[in-house]
Each structure stands twice: as C-alpha cells, then as structure tokens.
C-alpha cells in the first residue's frame, strides 16, 4: 500500500521494510534521538539497522506503557474548560 503502484511489484519487500524503518528512525520527535546522516548511510548499506530498530522498539514500548499507565494523583485534576461559557462570534 505504501509503494508506488507504478512499480508493479518490481521491488523487494524486505528493502521497502528497511526504508520505512530508516524513515521512522529519522522522524523521531527529538533531534537528539535521530540518527546522523553517516549512520543513515550505513543503515541503508545494511550495517546496524537491526540493532538500532530493536533499540527504538524497546524504548517506544516502554514510552507507550508509561503514557497508558494510570497516574495516581490524576483524580484531583479538573478540566479547565468545564466552567467556560460559549462565546458568540
């Protein structure tokens, strides 16, 4: 679905998967977490992508678990928009 249909299946699935992995690594939220260009070149040549991808997935899973965990002190947090009245334009 992500590959140009004009290629008509004239591509290697594993290479497409690698390109998507590199693209995801390069678009992380923090610039400090993104790979340097020399690392990107090495990953595209087949050196270090598997390790970097596994590391990223572990961090991402941990981050999602923390984000989804209930916060013990969240009961006292009120919605700040609760008492606002509609404004006519």
N, C-alpha and C. Protein backbone atom coordinates (compact mmCIF):
# COMPACT_ATOMS: atom_id res chain seq x y z
N UNK A 1 0.82 -1.18 0.00
CA UNK A 1 0.00 0.00 0.00
C UNK A 1 0.88 1.26 0.00
N UNK A 2 2.05 1.20 0.59
CA UNK A 2 2.93 2.38 0.67
C UNK A 2 3.83 2.56 -0.54
N UNK A 3 3.90 1.56 -1.38
CA UNK A 3 4.82 1.59 -2.52
C UNK A 3 4.08 2.11 -3.76
N UNK A 4 4.79 2.87 -4.55
CA UNK A 4 4.23 3.43 -5.79
C UNK A 4 3.66 2.30 -6.65
N UNK A 5 2.38 2.38 -7.01
CA UNK A 5 1.77 1.32 -7.82
C UNK A 5 2.39 1.19 -9.21
N UNK A 6 3.06 2.24 -9.69
CA UNK A 6 3.71 2.17 -11.00
C UNK A 6 4.87 1.18 -11.01
N UNK A 7 5.36 0.81 -9.83
CA UNK A 7 6.45 -0.18 -9.77
C UNK A 7 5.96 -1.59 -10.10
N UNK A 8 4.66 -1.80 -10.02
CA UNK A 8 4.05 -3.07 -10.40
C UNK A 8 4.76 -4.27 -9.79
N UNK A 9 4.96 -4.22 -8.47
CA UNK A 9 5.60 -5.31 -7.72
C UNK A 9 7.04 -5.56 -8.13
N UNK A 10 7.66 -4.59 -8.78
CA UNK A 10 9.06 -4.73 -9.18
C UNK A 10 9.97 -4.13 -8.10
N UNK A 11 9.86 -4.68 -6.89
CA UNK A 11 10.68 -4.25 -5.77
C UNK A 11 10.80 -5.40 -4.79
N UNK A 12 11.72 -5.26 -3.86
CA UNK A 12 11.97 -6.31 -2.87
C UNK A 12 11.33 -5.86 -1.55
N UNK A 13 10.41 -6.67 -1.04
CA UNK A 13 9.65 -6.32 0.16
C UNK A 13 10.56 -5.99 1.35
N UNK A 14 11.61 -6.75 1.54
CA UNK A 14 12.49 -6.52 2.69
C UNK A 14 13.20 -5.17 2.58
N UNK A 15 13.52 -4.74 1.37
CA UNK A 15 14.16 -3.43 1.19
C UNK A 15 13.17 -2.29 1.49
N UNK A 16 11.92 -2.48 1.11
CA UNK A 16 10.90 -1.48 1.41
C UNK A 16 10.73 -1.38 2.92
N UNK A 17 10.71 -2.52 3.61
CA UNK A 17 10.59 -2.52 5.06
C UNK A 17 11.77 -1.79 5.71
N UNK A 18 12.97 -2.02 5.20
CA UNK A 18 14.16 -1.34 5.74
C UNK A 18 14.06 0.17 5.53
N UNK A 19 13.61 0.59 4.36
CA UNK A 19 13.48 2.03 4.08
C UNK A 19 12.47 2.68 5.02
N UNK A 20 11.38 1.98 5.30
CA UNK A 20 10.37 2.51 6.21
C UNK A 20 10.94 2.60 7.63
N UNK A 21 11.69 1.61 8.05
CA UNK A 21 12.32 1.65 9.37
C UNK A 21 13.27 2.84 9.49
N UNK A 22 14.10 3.04 8.48
CA UNK A 22 15.04 4.16 8.50
C UNK A 22 14.26 5.48 8.53
N UNK A 23 13.20 5.57 7.75
CA UNK A 23 12.39 6.79 7.73
C UNK A 23 11.79 7.07 9.10
N UNK A 24 11.30 6.05 9.78
CA UNK A 24 10.73 6.24 11.11
C UNK A 24 11.80 6.67 12.12
N UNK A 25 12.98 6.08 12.01
CA UNK A 25 14.07 6.48 12.90
C UNK A 25 14.47 7.94 12.67
N UNK A 26 14.40 8.38 11.42
CA UNK A 26 14.81 9.75 11.07
C UNK A 26 13.75 10.80 11.41
N UNK A 27 12.55 10.36 11.76
CA UNK A 27 11.49 11.32 12.04
C UNK A 27 11.07 11.29 13.51
N UNK A 28 11.95 10.85 14.38
CA UNK A 28 11.64 10.85 15.81
C UNK A 28 11.46 12.29 16.29
N UNK A 29 10.73 12.44 17.36
CA UNK A 29 10.39 13.76 17.88
C UNK A 29 11.59 14.59 18.29
N UNK A 30 12.56 13.98 18.92
CA UNK A 30 13.73 14.72 19.39
C UNK A 30 14.88 14.60 18.40
N UNK A 31 15.46 15.71 17.98
CA UNK A 31 16.61 15.65 17.07
C UNK A 31 17.77 14.84 17.63
N UNK A 32 17.89 14.81 18.96
CA UNK A 32 18.98 14.05 19.58
C UNK A 32 18.80 12.54 19.40
N UNK A 33 17.55 12.10 19.18
CA UNK A 33 17.27 10.68 19.00
C UNK A 33 17.40 10.23 17.55
N UNK A 34 17.46 11.18 16.65
CA UNK A 34 17.54 10.83 15.22
C UNK A 34 18.97 10.43 14.85
N UNK A 35 19.10 9.49 13.91
CA UNK A 35 20.45 9.09 13.50
C UNK A 35 21.14 10.18 12.68
N UNK A 36 22.45 10.21 12.77
CA UNK A 36 23.23 11.12 11.93
C UNK A 36 23.20 10.60 10.50
N UNK A 37 23.51 11.48 9.56
CA UNK A 37 23.46 11.09 8.16
C UNK A 37 24.42 9.95 7.86
N UNK A 38 25.60 9.96 8.48
CA UNK A 38 26.55 8.87 8.23
C UNK A 38 25.99 7.54 8.75
N UNK A 39 25.20 7.60 9.86
CA UNK A 39 24.56 6.38 10.36
C UNK A 39 23.45 5.92 9.42
N UNK A 40 22.72 6.87 8.85
CA UNK A 40 21.66 6.53 7.90
C UNK A 40 22.27 5.82 6.69
N UNK A 41 23.38 6.34 6.19
CA UNK A 41 24.05 5.71 5.03
C UNK A 41 24.45 4.28 5.38
N UNK A 42 25.03 4.09 6.56
CA UNK A 42 25.44 2.75 6.99
C UNK A 42 24.23 1.82 7.10
N UNK A 43 23.14 2.33 7.68
CA UNK A 43 21.94 1.51 7.82
C UNK A 43 21.38 1.11 6.46
N UNK A 44 21.40 2.04 5.52
CA UNK A 44 20.91 1.72 4.17
C UNK A 44 21.82 0.72 3.46
N UNK A 45 23.08 0.69 3.85
CA UNK A 45 24.02 -0.29 3.29
C UNK A 45 23.92 -1.63 4.01
N UNK A 46 23.08 -1.70 5.05
CA UNK A 46 22.86 -2.96 5.74
C UNK A 46 23.66 -3.14 7.02
N UNK A 47 24.20 -2.05 7.56
CA UNK A 47 25.04 -2.15 8.76
C UNK A 47 24.40 -1.41 9.93
N UNK A 48 23.87 -2.14 10.91
CA UNK A 48 23.40 -1.54 12.15
C UNK A 48 21.92 -1.23 12.22
N UNK A 49 21.17 -1.42 11.16
CA UNK A 49 19.75 -1.09 11.20
C UNK A 49 19.00 -2.00 12.17
N UNK A 50 19.28 -3.29 12.15
CA UNK A 50 18.56 -4.22 13.03
C UNK A 50 18.73 -3.85 14.50
N UNK A 51 19.96 -3.53 14.90
CA UNK A 51 20.22 -3.17 16.29
C UNK A 51 19.51 -1.87 16.67
N UNK A 52 19.63 -0.89 15.80
CA UNK A 52 19.02 0.42 16.07
C UNK A 52 17.49 0.31 16.12
N UNK A 53 16.93 -0.50 15.23
CA UNK A 53 15.48 -0.68 15.17
C UNK A 53 14.99 -1.39 16.44
N UNK A 54 15.68 -2.44 16.86
CA UNK A 54 15.31 -3.17 18.08
C UNK A 54 15.36 -2.25 19.30
N UNK A 55 16.41 -1.43 19.37
CA UNK A 55 16.56 -0.49 20.48
C UNK A 55 15.41 0.52 20.49
N UNK A 56 15.06 1.04 19.32
CA UNK A 56 13.99 2.01 19.21
C UNK A 56 12.66 1.40 19.63
N UNK A 57 12.40 0.15 19.21
CA UNK A 57 11.14 -0.50 19.55
C UNK A 57 11.01 -0.70 21.06
N UNK A 58 12.11 -1.07 21.72
CA UNK A 58 12.07 -1.26 23.17
C UNK A 58 11.74 0.06 23.87
N UNK A 59 12.38 1.12 23.45
CA UNK A 59 12.13 2.44 24.04
C UNK A 59 10.69 2.86 23.77
N UNK A 60 10.21 2.64 22.58
CA UNK A 60 8.85 3.03 22.21
C UNK A 60 7.81 2.26 23.02
N UNK A 61 8.02 0.97 23.22
CA UNK A 61 7.09 0.16 24.01
C UNK A 61 7.06 0.68 25.45
N UNK A 62 8.23 0.96 26.01
CA UNK A 62 8.28 1.50 27.38
C UNK A 62 7.58 2.84 27.48
N UNK A 63 7.78 3.70 26.49
CA UNK A 63 7.15 5.02 26.49
C UNK A 63 5.63 4.88 26.43
N UNK A 64 5.13 3.97 25.60
CA UNK A 64 3.69 3.78 25.48
C UNK A 64 3.10 3.21 26.77
N UNK A 65 3.83 2.31 27.42
CA UNK A 65 3.34 1.75 28.68
C UNK A 65 3.24 2.84 29.75
N UNK A 66 4.21 3.72 29.79
CA UNK A 66 4.19 4.82 30.75
C UNK A 66 3.04 5.78 30.44
N UNK A 67 2.84 6.08 29.16
CA UNK A 67 1.77 7.00 28.76
C UNK A 67 0.39 6.44 29.09
N UNK A 68 0.23 5.12 28.99
CA UNK A 68 -1.07 4.50 29.21
C UNK A 68 -1.32 4.15 30.68
N UNK A 69 -0.30 4.19 31.50
CA UNK A 69 -0.45 3.84 32.91
C UNK A 69 -1.27 4.90 33.62
N UNK A 70 -2.17 4.48 34.51
CA UNK A 70 -2.95 5.48 35.26
C UNK A 70 -2.05 6.24 36.21
N UNK A 71 -2.27 7.52 36.30
CA UNK A 71 -1.49 8.37 37.18
C UNK A 71 -2.19 8.43 38.54
N UNK A 72 -1.48 8.11 39.63
CA UNK A 72 -2.13 8.03 40.94
C UNK A 72 -2.74 9.33 41.43
N UNK A 73 -2.24 10.48 41.04
CA UNK A 73 -2.75 11.76 41.54
C UNK A 73 -3.67 12.46 40.54
N UNK A 74 -4.14 11.73 39.53
CA UNK A 74 -4.93 12.38 38.49
C UNK A 74 -6.37 12.63 38.91
N UNK A 75 -6.82 12.10 40.05
CA UNK A 75 -8.20 12.29 40.48
C UNK A 75 -8.51 13.76 40.78
N UNK A 76 -7.54 14.51 41.24
CA UNK A 76 -7.78 15.90 41.63
C UNK A 76 -7.68 16.88 40.47
N UNK A 77 -7.22 16.40 39.30
CA UNK A 77 -7.08 17.29 38.15
C UNK A 77 -8.46 17.56 37.55
N UNK A 78 -8.80 18.83 37.43
CA UNK A 78 -10.09 19.21 36.87
C UNK A 78 -9.93 19.68 35.45
N UNK A 79 -10.98 19.54 34.70
CA UNK A 79 -10.98 20.02 33.33
C UNK A 79 -11.09 21.54 33.36
N UNK A 80 -10.10 22.24 32.85
CA UNK A 80 -10.08 23.70 32.92
C UNK A 80 -11.13 24.33 32.02
N UNK A 81 -11.70 23.56 31.10
CA UNK A 81 -12.73 24.11 30.21
C UNK A 81 -14.14 23.86 30.74
N UNK A 82 -14.25 23.22 31.89
CA UNK A 82 -15.55 22.82 32.42
C UNK A 82 -16.47 24.00 32.69
N UNK A 83 -15.94 25.11 33.17
CA UNK A 83 -16.77 26.25 33.56
C UNK A 83 -16.82 27.35 32.51
N UNK A 84 -16.33 27.11 31.34
CA UNK A 84 -16.34 28.15 30.30
C UNK A 84 -17.70 28.19 29.61
N UNK A 85 -18.14 29.39 29.26
CA UNK A 85 -19.39 29.56 28.55
C UNK A 85 -19.12 29.75 27.07
N UNK A 86 -20.06 29.38 26.26
CA UNK A 86 -19.92 29.55 24.81
C UNK A 86 -19.84 31.03 24.48
N UNK A 87 -19.02 31.37 23.52
CA UNK A 87 -18.87 32.75 23.10
C UNK A 87 -19.46 32.90 21.71
N UNK A 88 -20.32 33.89 21.55
CA UNK A 88 -20.92 34.12 20.24
C UNK A 88 -19.96 34.95 19.40
N UNK A 89 -19.82 34.57 18.15
CA UNK A 89 -18.95 35.31 17.24
C UNK A 89 -19.75 36.29 16.41
